[in-house]
C-alpha cells in the first residue's frame, strides 16, 4: 500500500488528472487505486480505442499508455505529459529511440510506490 505521505499536492489543491490505459485489468485497477489514494484523479481504459473515443484535449495532466495512443493523442493535445508503460523490453528499446527523451518510460512490473513517486516527479 502506498502511504499518503507520498502525496504531492498541487499549489491550488486541484487534483492532477491521469488518463491510464492498459490491457491488463489487474494492473489498471491496482494503479488507479494507488494513484487515487495519493491524490490523483484517474480515468482508466483497457482499450486504446475506448480511450481515444473518450479523450478530451486539455482534460488530462498525464497520459500513461503502452505506445498505442501516443501519435493520435499528441495531435489532439500537444501539451499532455506522457509516460509510456510496457512489459515488453523489445518495444521499450524500439520506442525509446523514436520518442523524445522528455517522455517517461516505465517497464512493468513496477512497485506502486515507485509508480506514484515517478508520476509526482513528472507532474511537479
N, C-alpha and C. Protein backbone atom coordinates (compact mmCIF):
# COMPACT_ATOMS: atom_id res chain seq x y z
N UNK A 1 0.84 -1.17 0.00
CA UNK A 1 0.00 0.00 0.00
C UNK A 1 0.89 1.24 0.00
N UNK A 2 0.49 2.22 -0.76
CA UNK A 2 1.23 3.48 -0.83
C UNK A 2 0.65 4.42 0.20
N UNK A 3 1.50 5.03 0.98
CA UNK A 3 1.02 5.89 2.06
C UNK A 3 0.68 7.27 1.54
N UNK A 4 -0.12 7.99 2.29
CA UNK A 4 -0.47 9.36 1.94
C UNK A 4 0.73 10.29 1.97
N UNK A 5 1.81 9.88 2.62
CA UNK A 5 2.99 10.74 2.72
C UNK A 5 3.68 10.96 1.39
N UNK A 6 3.38 10.12 0.39
CA UNK A 6 3.99 10.32 -0.92
C UNK A 6 3.22 11.33 -1.76
N UNK A 7 2.10 11.79 -1.26
CA UNK A 7 1.28 12.74 -1.98
C UNK A 7 2.02 14.04 -2.23
N UNK A 8 1.87 14.56 -3.43
CA UNK A 8 2.49 15.82 -3.81
C UNK A 8 1.38 16.77 -4.25
N UNK A 9 0.71 17.44 -3.32
CA UNK A 9 -0.42 18.27 -3.71
C UNK A 9 0.03 19.44 -4.56
N UNK A 10 -0.83 19.83 -5.49
CA UNK A 10 -0.51 20.99 -6.30
C UNK A 10 -0.74 22.25 -5.50
N UNK A 11 -0.23 23.35 -6.00
CA UNK A 11 -0.31 24.61 -5.28
C UNK A 11 -1.75 25.06 -5.10
N UNK A 12 -2.61 24.78 -6.05
CA UNK A 12 -4.00 25.21 -5.94
C UNK A 12 -4.91 24.08 -5.47
N UNK A 13 -4.35 23.00 -4.99
CA UNK A 13 -5.07 21.84 -4.47
C UNK A 13 -5.98 21.19 -5.49
N UNK A 14 -5.82 21.49 -6.77
CA UNK A 14 -6.57 20.82 -7.82
C UNK A 14 -5.90 19.48 -8.09
N UNK A 15 -6.69 18.42 -8.10
CA UNK A 15 -6.13 17.10 -8.37
C UNK A 15 -5.61 17.04 -9.80
N UNK A 16 -4.46 16.44 -9.96
CA UNK A 16 -3.91 16.18 -11.28
C UNK A 16 -4.67 15.00 -11.88
N UNK A 17 -5.02 15.12 -13.15
CA UNK A 17 -5.84 14.10 -13.81
C UNK A 17 -4.99 13.26 -14.75
N UNK A 18 -5.12 11.94 -14.60
CA UNK A 18 -4.33 10.98 -15.37
C UNK A 18 -5.26 10.12 -16.22
N UNK A 19 -4.90 9.96 -17.49
CA UNK A 19 -5.56 9.01 -18.37
C UNK A 19 -4.66 7.78 -18.40
N UNK A 20 -5.14 6.67 -17.86
CA UNK A 20 -4.35 5.45 -17.69
C UNK A 20 -4.94 4.36 -18.58
N UNK A 21 -4.14 3.88 -19.54
CA UNK A 21 -4.61 2.87 -20.49
C UNK A 21 -3.70 1.65 -20.40
N UNK A 22 -4.28 0.51 -20.09
CA UNK A 22 -3.52 -0.74 -20.03
C UNK A 22 -4.49 -1.89 -20.28
N UNK A 23 -4.05 -2.88 -21.03
CA UNK A 23 -4.92 -4.00 -21.36
C UNK A 23 -4.98 -5.07 -20.28
N UNK A 24 -4.31 -4.85 -19.18
CA UNK A 24 -4.34 -5.80 -18.07
C UNK A 24 -5.23 -5.23 -16.95
N UNK A 25 -6.44 -5.79 -16.78
CA UNK A 25 -7.39 -5.24 -15.80
C UNK A 25 -6.83 -5.14 -14.38
N UNK A 26 -6.04 -6.11 -13.95
CA UNK A 26 -5.50 -6.06 -12.59
C UNK A 26 -4.54 -4.88 -12.41
N UNK A 27 -3.70 -4.65 -13.40
CA UNK A 27 -2.76 -3.53 -13.33
C UNK A 27 -3.51 -2.21 -13.37
N UNK A 28 -4.52 -2.14 -14.23
CA UNK A 28 -5.33 -0.93 -14.33
C UNK A 28 -5.99 -0.62 -12.99
N UNK A 29 -6.62 -1.61 -12.37
CA UNK A 29 -7.33 -1.41 -11.11
C UNK A 29 -6.36 -1.04 -9.98
N UNK A 30 -5.26 -1.79 -9.85
CA UNK A 30 -4.30 -1.52 -8.78
C UNK A 30 -3.67 -0.12 -8.93
N UNK A 31 -3.32 0.22 -10.15
CA UNK A 31 -2.70 1.53 -10.38
C UNK A 31 -3.68 2.65 -10.10
N UNK A 32 -4.90 2.51 -10.57
CA UNK A 32 -5.94 3.52 -10.31
C UNK A 32 -6.15 3.70 -8.81
N UNK A 33 -6.27 2.59 -8.10
CA UNK A 33 -6.50 2.64 -6.65
C UNK A 33 -5.35 3.35 -5.93
N UNK A 34 -4.13 2.97 -6.25
CA UNK A 34 -2.96 3.58 -5.60
C UNK A 34 -2.86 5.06 -5.93
N UNK A 35 -3.07 5.41 -7.18
CA UNK A 35 -2.95 6.81 -7.58
C UNK A 35 -4.06 7.67 -6.97
N UNK A 36 -5.28 7.16 -6.92
CA UNK A 36 -6.37 7.92 -6.30
C UNK A 36 -6.15 8.09 -4.80
N UNK A 37 -5.60 7.09 -4.15
CA UNK A 37 -5.31 7.20 -2.71
C UNK A 37 -4.20 8.22 -2.45
N UNK A 38 -3.49 8.58 -3.48
CA UNK A 38 -2.41 9.55 -3.35
C UNK A 38 -2.76 10.88 -4.01
N UNK A 39 -4.04 11.15 -4.15
CA UNK A 39 -4.49 12.47 -4.53
C UNK A 39 -4.67 12.75 -6.01
N UNK A 40 -4.57 11.74 -6.86
CA UNK A 40 -4.76 11.94 -8.29
C UNK A 40 -6.18 11.56 -8.68
N UNK A 41 -6.67 12.18 -9.74
CA UNK A 41 -7.91 11.75 -10.37
C UNK A 41 -7.51 10.89 -11.56
N UNK A 42 -8.06 9.69 -11.66
CA UNK A 42 -7.61 8.73 -12.68
C UNK A 42 -8.80 8.22 -13.47
N UNK A 43 -8.69 8.33 -14.79
CA UNK A 43 -9.67 7.71 -15.68
C UNK A 43 -8.96 6.57 -16.39
N UNK A 44 -9.54 5.37 -16.33
CA UNK A 44 -8.87 4.20 -16.90
C UNK A 44 -9.65 3.62 -18.07
N UNK A 45 -8.88 3.03 -18.96
CA UNK A 45 -9.43 2.29 -20.09
C UNK A 45 -8.55 1.08 -20.34
N UNK A 46 -9.16 -0.02 -20.73
CA UNK A 46 -8.41 -1.22 -21.09
C UNK A 46 -8.24 -1.31 -22.60
N UNK A 47 -8.91 -0.45 -23.32
CA UNK A 47 -8.84 -0.44 -24.77
C UNK A 47 -8.38 0.93 -25.26
N UNK A 48 -7.33 0.97 -26.09
CA UNK A 48 -6.90 2.24 -26.66
C UNK A 48 -8.00 2.92 -27.48
N UNK A 49 -8.84 2.13 -28.14
CA UNK A 49 -9.92 2.70 -28.94
C UNK A 49 -10.91 3.44 -28.04
N UNK A 50 -11.29 2.82 -26.92
CA UNK A 50 -12.20 3.47 -25.97
C UNK A 50 -11.58 4.73 -25.39
N UNK A 51 -10.30 4.67 -25.07
CA UNK A 51 -9.61 5.85 -24.53
C UNK A 51 -9.62 6.98 -25.55
N UNK A 52 -9.35 6.67 -26.79
CA UNK A 52 -9.34 7.67 -27.85
C UNK A 52 -10.73 8.26 -28.06
N UNK A 53 -11.75 7.42 -28.06
CA UNK A 53 -13.12 7.89 -28.23
C UNK A 53 -13.56 8.83 -27.12
N UNK A 54 -13.04 8.64 -25.92
CA UNK A 54 -13.44 9.44 -24.76
C UNK A 54 -12.47 10.57 -24.44
N UNK A 55 -11.39 10.70 -25.19
CA UNK A 55 -10.37 11.71 -24.91
C UNK A 55 -10.88 13.11 -25.18
N UNK A 56 -10.62 14.00 -24.22
CA UNK A 56 -10.96 15.41 -24.36
C UNK A 56 -9.67 16.22 -24.21
N UNK A 57 -9.21 16.86 -25.29
CA UNK A 57 -7.97 17.65 -25.21
C UNK A 57 -8.02 18.67 -24.08
N UNK A 58 -6.91 18.80 -23.38
CA UNK A 58 -6.81 19.75 -22.28
C UNK A 58 -7.37 19.25 -20.96
N UNK A 59 -7.90 18.03 -20.95
CA UNK A 59 -8.53 17.50 -19.73
C UNK A 59 -7.59 16.73 -18.83
N UNK A 60 -6.43 16.34 -19.35
CA UNK A 60 -5.53 15.47 -18.59
C UNK A 60 -4.16 16.12 -18.40
N UNK A 61 -3.55 15.80 -17.27
CA UNK A 61 -2.19 16.24 -17.00
C UNK A 61 -1.17 15.21 -17.46
N UNK A 62 -1.61 13.94 -17.55
CA UNK A 62 -0.68 12.87 -17.89
C UNK A 62 -1.41 11.74 -18.60
N UNK A 63 -0.78 11.22 -19.65
CA UNK A 63 -1.23 10.02 -20.33
C UNK A 63 -0.26 8.90 -19.97
N UNK A 64 -0.80 7.79 -19.50
CA UNK A 64 0.02 6.59 -19.27
C UNK A 64 -0.53 5.52 -20.19
N UNK A 65 0.33 5.07 -21.12
CA UNK A 65 -0.11 4.13 -22.15
C UNK A 65 1.09 3.34 -22.64
N UNK A 66 0.81 2.27 -23.35
CA UNK A 66 1.87 1.44 -23.91
C UNK A 66 2.15 1.71 -25.37
N UNK A 67 2.19 2.94 -25.80
CA UNK A 67 2.57 3.40 -27.14
C UNK A 67 1.44 3.51 -28.14
N UNK A 68 0.32 2.80 -27.96
CA UNK A 68 -0.72 2.76 -28.98
C UNK A 68 -1.34 4.12 -29.29
N UNK A 69 -1.51 4.94 -28.29
CA UNK A 69 -2.25 6.19 -28.46
C UNK A 69 -1.38 7.42 -28.70
N UNK A 70 -0.12 7.31 -28.47
CA UNK A 70 0.75 8.48 -28.42
C UNK A 70 0.59 9.40 -29.62
N UNK A 71 0.77 8.89 -30.82
CA UNK A 71 0.75 9.75 -32.01
C UNK A 71 -0.60 10.44 -32.20
N UNK A 72 -1.69 9.70 -32.00
CA UNK A 72 -3.03 10.28 -32.19
C UNK A 72 -3.34 11.32 -31.14
N UNK A 73 -3.02 11.03 -29.88
CA UNK A 73 -3.34 11.99 -28.82
C UNK A 73 -2.42 13.20 -28.85
N UNK A 74 -1.19 13.02 -29.28
CA UNK A 74 -0.25 14.14 -29.40
C UNK A 74 -0.78 15.16 -30.41
N UNK A 75 -1.43 14.66 -31.48
CA UNK A 75 -2.02 15.57 -32.47
C UNK A 75 -3.21 16.32 -31.89
N UNK A 76 -3.92 15.70 -30.96
CA UNK A 76 -5.10 16.32 -30.35
C UNK A 76 -4.72 17.24 -29.19
N UNK A 77 -3.65 16.92 -28.48
CA UNK A 77 -3.23 17.70 -27.30
C UNK A 77 -1.72 17.62 -27.18
N UNK A 78 -1.04 18.60 -27.71
CA UNK A 78 0.43 18.61 -27.72
C UNK A 78 1.03 18.93 -26.36
N UNK A 79 0.21 19.34 -25.41
CA UNK A 79 0.72 19.75 -24.10
C UNK A 79 0.66 18.66 -23.04
N UNK A 80 0.03 17.54 -23.36
CA UNK A 80 -0.12 16.48 -22.35
C UNK A 80 1.24 15.81 -22.07
N UNK A 81 1.50 15.59 -20.79
CA UNK A 81 2.68 14.80 -20.40
C UNK A 81 2.39 13.34 -20.72
N UNK A 82 3.44 12.61 -21.08
CA UNK A 82 3.26 11.22 -21.46
C UNK A 82 4.23 10.34 -20.69
N UNK A 83 3.72 9.21 -20.24
CA UNK A 83 4.56 8.20 -19.62
C UNK A 83 4.20 6.87 -20.25
N UNK A 84 5.15 6.29 -20.97
CA UNK A 84 4.93 5.00 -21.61
C UNK A 84 5.07 3.90 -20.57
N UNK A 85 4.16 2.94 -20.63
CA UNK A 85 4.12 1.84 -19.69
C UNK A 85 4.11 0.54 -20.49
N UNK A 86 5.15 -0.28 -20.34
CA UNK A 86 5.23 -1.50 -21.13
C UNK A 86 5.95 -2.62 -20.37
N UNK A 87 5.56 -3.84 -20.70
CA UNK A 87 6.23 -5.01 -20.14
C UNK A 87 7.18 -5.63 -21.15
N UNK A 88 7.09 -5.20 -22.40
CA UNK A 88 7.87 -5.80 -23.47
C UNK A 88 9.16 -5.02 -23.71
N UNK A 89 10.27 -5.60 -23.36
CA UNK A 89 11.56 -4.93 -23.48
C UNK A 89 11.87 -4.52 -24.92
N UNK A 90 11.48 -5.37 -25.89
CA UNK A 90 11.78 -5.03 -27.29
C UNK A 90 11.04 -3.78 -27.74
N UNK A 91 9.81 -3.59 -27.26
CA UNK A 91 9.08 -2.36 -27.59
C UNK A 91 9.70 -1.17 -26.88
N UNK A 92 10.08 -1.39 -25.64
CA UNK A 92 10.71 -0.33 -24.86
C UNK A 92 11.95 0.20 -25.60
N UNK A 93 12.81 -0.70 -26.03
CA UNK A 93 14.03 -0.29 -26.73
C UNK A 93 13.72 0.43 -28.03
N UNK A 94 12.77 -0.10 -28.79
CA UNK A 94 12.39 0.49 -30.08
C UNK A 94 11.83 1.90 -29.91
N UNK A 95 10.90 2.05 -29.00
CA UNK A 95 10.25 3.34 -28.84
C UNK A 95 11.11 4.36 -28.10
N UNK A 96 11.97 3.90 -27.25
CA UNK A 96 12.88 4.81 -26.53
C UNK A 96 13.72 5.58 -27.55
N UNK A 97 14.11 4.91 -28.63
CA UNK A 97 14.88 5.58 -29.68
C UNK A 97 14.01 6.55 -30.47
N UNK A 98 12.74 6.22 -30.66
CA UNK A 98 11.85 7.02 -31.50
C UNK A 98 11.34 8.28 -30.83
N UNK A 99 11.02 8.18 -29.55
CA UNK A 99 10.36 9.29 -28.88
C UNK A 99 11.34 10.18 -28.13
N UNK A 100 10.84 11.34 -27.81
CA UNK A 100 11.62 12.36 -27.13
C UNK A 100 12.19 11.86 -25.81
N UNK A 101 13.36 12.32 -25.50
CA UNK A 101 13.96 11.98 -24.21
C UNK A 101 13.18 12.61 -23.06
N UNK A 102 12.28 13.53 -23.39
CA UNK A 102 11.45 14.17 -22.36
C UNK A 102 10.34 13.24 -21.88
N UNK A 103 10.01 12.23 -22.66
CA UNK A 103 8.94 11.32 -22.27
C UNK A 103 9.43 10.34 -21.21
N UNK A 104 8.50 9.89 -20.42
CA UNK A 104 8.77 8.95 -19.33
C UNK A 104 8.57 7.52 -19.85
N UNK A 105 9.45 6.63 -19.43
CA UNK A 105 9.33 5.22 -19.79
C UNK A 105 9.35 4.39 -18.52
N UNK A 106 8.31 3.58 -18.33
CA UNK A 106 8.22 2.69 -17.17
C UNK A 106 8.05 1.27 -17.69
N UNK A 107 8.90 0.37 -17.21
CA UNK A 107 8.72 -1.04 -17.56
C UNK A 107 8.00 -1.74 -16.42
N UNK A 108 7.06 -2.59 -16.80
CA UNK A 108 6.31 -3.37 -15.82
C UNK A 108 7.09 -4.65 -15.54
N UNK A 109 6.98 -5.19 -14.37
CA UNK A 109 6.20 -4.68 -13.25
C UNK A 109 6.92 -3.53 -12.55
N UNK A 110 6.13 -2.70 -11.89
CA UNK A 110 6.68 -1.59 -11.11
C UNK A 110 5.95 -1.57 -9.77
N UNK A 111 6.69 -1.32 -8.72
CA UNK A 111 6.08 -1.19 -7.39
C UNK A 111 5.18 0.04 -7.38
N UNK A 112 4.03 -0.06 -6.74
CA UNK A 112 3.08 1.05 -6.72
C UNK A 112 3.70 2.32 -6.14
N UNK A 113 4.52 2.19 -5.12
CA UNK A 113 5.16 3.36 -4.53
C UNK A 113 6.07 4.04 -5.57
N UNK A 114 6.79 3.25 -6.34
CA UNK A 114 7.64 3.82 -7.39
C UNK A 114 6.81 4.48 -8.48
N UNK A 115 5.67 3.89 -8.81
CA UNK A 115 4.78 4.48 -9.80
C UNK A 115 4.31 5.86 -9.33
N UNK A 116 3.84 5.93 -8.10
CA UNK A 116 3.38 7.21 -7.54
C UNK A 116 4.51 8.22 -7.50
N UNK A 117 5.68 7.81 -7.06
CA UNK A 117 6.83 8.73 -7.00
C UNK A 117 7.23 9.23 -8.38
N UNK A 118 7.21 8.35 -9.38
CA UNK A 118 7.54 8.74 -10.75
C UNK A 118 6.54 9.77 -11.27
N UNK A 119 5.27 9.53 -11.04
CA UNK A 119 4.25 10.46 -11.51
C UNK A 119 4.34 11.79 -10.79
N UNK A 120 4.58 11.75 -9.48
CA UNK A 120 4.79 13.00 -8.75
C UNK A 120 5.94 13.80 -9.34
N UNK A 121 6.99 13.12 -9.69
CA UNK A 121 8.17 13.78 -10.28
C UNK A 121 7.83 14.42 -11.62
N UNK A 122 7.11 13.72 -12.45
CA UNK A 122 6.74 14.22 -13.78
C UNK A 122 5.82 15.44 -13.67
N UNK A 123 4.88 15.38 -12.75
CA UNK A 123 3.87 16.43 -12.67
C UNK A 123 4.21 17.57 -11.73
N UNK A 124 5.38 17.52 -11.11
CA UNK A 124 5.73 18.61 -10.19
C UNK A 124 6.40 19.76 -10.92
